Amino acid sequence: MTTRPAGGRSIDEVLAAARARLRRLDPHEVYRAQREGAALVDIRPAVQRAAHGLIPGALAIERNVLEWRFDPASDARLPIADRYDLPVIVFCQEGYTSSLAAAALQDLGLHRATDLAGGIAAWRRAGLPTIAGGIPA
């Protein structure tokens, strides 16, 4: 079937809808927010973290478990995810998947969730600190 079903949207439409709900942050805004206590969350797969480095202090929570780790009502949540007003900033490699992930966190009630515009690639271009990612297990 090549005709989109009623109600179906392209990934570009889904991404635009997600981003319309976010106040995306540039690398310097994220750097400041992290220093002020925001949870910075790296949702990239281990192979990307190894290849492109890490942001110091960021939590590595792969995308497939993100909602369970940050839902305050989840038995699988992280200890820091104990409230709905937690500022969470998600990032990926280029800033696409992170927008979808941040919108998903907002759907859980984490109204301060957002993402790093441009991902770690923008962070690196801004000259902000990174560390080597190591070898994935």
Protein backbone atom coordinates (compact mmCIF):
# COMPACT_ATOMS: atom_id res chain seq x y z
CA MET A 1 0.00 0.00 0.00
CA THR A 2 1.52 3.32 -1.06
CA THR A 3 -1.34 5.61 -0.09
CA ARG A 4 -1.06 6.98 3.42
CA PRO A 5 -3.95 5.85 5.60
CA ALA A 6 -6.31 8.46 7.03
CA GLY A 7 -4.69 10.15 10.02
CA GLY A 8 -1.21 8.98 9.07
CA ARG A 9 1.62 11.53 9.04
CA SER A 10 5.08 11.63 7.54
CA ILE A 11 8.07 11.61 9.86
CA ASP A 12 8.66 15.24 8.91
CA GLU A 13 5.14 16.09 10.13
CA VAL A 14 5.62 14.10 13.34
CA LEU A 15 8.95 15.82 13.98
CA ALA A 16 7.48 19.28 13.31
CA ALA A 17 4.60 18.58 15.73
CA ALA A 18 7.03 17.43 18.41
CA ARG A 19 9.26 20.47 17.99
CA ALA A 20 6.29 22.84 18.09
CA ARG A 21 5.80 21.73 21.71
CA LEU A 22 9.42 22.24 22.76
CA ARG A 23 11.57 25.20 23.63
CA ARG A 24 14.70 23.68 22.18
CA LEU A 25 18.00 24.81 23.67
CA ASP A 26 21.25 25.69 21.96
CA PRO A 27 24.49 24.18 23.29
CA HIS A 28 25.38 27.12 25.52
CA GLU A 29 21.89 27.17 27.05
CA VAL A 30 22.19 23.44 27.74
CA TYR A 31 25.62 23.91 29.30
CA ARG A 32 24.18 26.51 31.68
CA ALA A 33 21.08 24.44 32.45
CA GLN A 34 23.18 21.38 33.25
CA ARG A 35 25.31 23.43 35.64
CA GLU A 36 22.08 24.63 37.30
CA GLY A 37 20.88 21.06 37.88
CA ALA A 38 19.06 19.95 34.75
CA ALA A 39 19.39 16.27 33.91
CA LEU A 40 21.26 15.96 30.61
CA VAL A 41 20.41 12.65 28.94
CA ASP A 42 22.30 11.01 26.07
CA ILE A 43 19.91 8.70 24.19
CA ARG A 44 22.40 7.60 21.52
CA PRO A 45 23.30 3.94 21.10
CA ALA A 46 26.59 2.82 22.65
CA VAL A 47 28.30 2.65 19.26
CA GLN A 48 27.60 6.35 18.62
CA ARG A 49 28.76 7.31 22.10
CA ALA A 50 32.00 5.41 21.50
CA ALA A 51 32.56 6.92 18.07
CA HIS A 52 31.63 10.54 18.79
CA GLY A 53 32.39 11.04 22.47
CA LEU A 54 30.41 11.98 25.53
CA ILE A 55 29.28 15.14 27.28
CA PRO A 56 30.69 15.13 30.83
CA GLY A 57 27.99 14.55 33.41
CA ALA A 58 25.36 13.34 30.95
CA LEU A 59 23.39 10.20 31.78
CA ALA A 60 23.49 7.51 29.09
CA ILE A 61 19.92 6.19 28.78
CA GLU A 62 19.28 4.57 25.43
CA ARG A 63 16.12 5.60 23.65
CA ASN A 64 14.32 2.27 24.01
CA VAL A 65 14.06 2.62 27.83
CA LEU A 66 13.88 6.39 28.25
CA GLU A 67 10.22 6.68 29.25
CA TRP A 68 10.50 3.90 31.85
CA ARG A 69 13.56 5.53 33.43
CA PHE A 70 12.00 9.01 33.68
CA ASP A 71 8.33 8.36 34.43
CA PRO A 72 7.92 9.21 38.13
CA ALA A 73 5.16 6.57 38.30
CA SER A 74 7.34 3.77 36.86
CA ASP A 75 8.84 1.04 39.02
CA ALA A 76 11.86 1.18 36.67
CA ARG A 77 12.50 4.91 37.08
CA LEU A 78 15.86 6.37 37.99
CA PRO A 79 16.17 7.78 41.53
CA ILE A 80 16.42 11.35 40.14
CA ALA A 81 13.14 10.94 38.21
CA ASP A 82 10.97 11.42 41.26
CA ARG A 83 8.99 14.46 40.15
CA TYR A 84 7.19 15.82 37.11
CA ASP A 85 8.90 19.23 37.18
CA LEU A 86 12.38 17.73 36.70
CA PRO A 87 14.21 19.65 33.96
CA VAL A 88 15.34 16.99 31.48
CA ILE A 89 17.35 17.82 28.37
CA VAL A 90 17.67 14.98 25.89
CA PHE A 91 20.28 14.80 23.15
CA CYS A 92 21.24 12.52 20.31
CA GLN A 93 23.78 12.83 17.51
CA GLU A 94 22.14 15.51 15.34
CA GLY A 95 18.99 16.58 17.23
CA TYR A 96 16.21 14.68 15.46
CA THR A 97 15.50 11.65 17.64
CA SER A 98 15.94 13.80 20.74
CA SER A 99 13.03 16.02 19.72
CA LEU A 100 10.74 12.99 19.48
CA ALA A 101 12.06 11.68 22.80
CA ALA A 102 11.55 15.01 24.60
CA ALA A 103 7.97 15.19 23.32
CA ALA A 104 7.40 11.64 24.62
CA LEU A 105 8.65 12.73 28.05
CA GLN A 106 6.25 15.67 27.94
CA ASP A 107 3.46 13.18 27.18
CA LEU A 108 4.32 11.51 30.50
CA GLY A 109 3.85 14.85 32.28
CA LEU A 110 7.49 15.97 32.42
CA HIS A 111 6.54 19.46 31.24
CA ARG A 112 10.11 20.82 31.43
CA ALA A 113 11.55 18.19 29.07
CA THR A 114 13.27 19.50 25.95
CA ASP A 115 16.23 18.75 23.74
CA LEU A 116 19.59 20.02 22.57
CA ALA A 117 19.11 21.56 19.13
CA GLY A 118 21.66 20.02 16.78
CA GLY A 119 22.66 17.25 19.19
CA ILE A 120 26.19 16.51 20.29
CA ALA A 121 27.39 17.60 16.85
CA ALA A 122 26.26 21.18 17.65
CA TRP A 123 27.76 20.88 21.16
CA ARG A 124 31.14 19.96 19.67
CA ARG A 125 30.95 22.77 17.08
CA ALA A 126 30.29 25.18 19.97
CA GLY A 127 33.60 24.10 21.52
CA LEU A 128 32.02 22.76 24.69
CA PRO A 129 33.70 19.95 26.65
CA THR A 130 33.52 16.34 25.53
CA ILE A 131 35.35 13.21 26.54
CA ALA A 132 36.27 10.11 24.56
CA GLY A 133 33.47 7.57 24.47
CA GLY A 134 35.48 4.38 24.82
CA ILE A 135 34.72 1.02 23.29
CA PRO A 136 31.16 -0.32 23.52
CA ALA A 137 30.81 -3.66 25.30
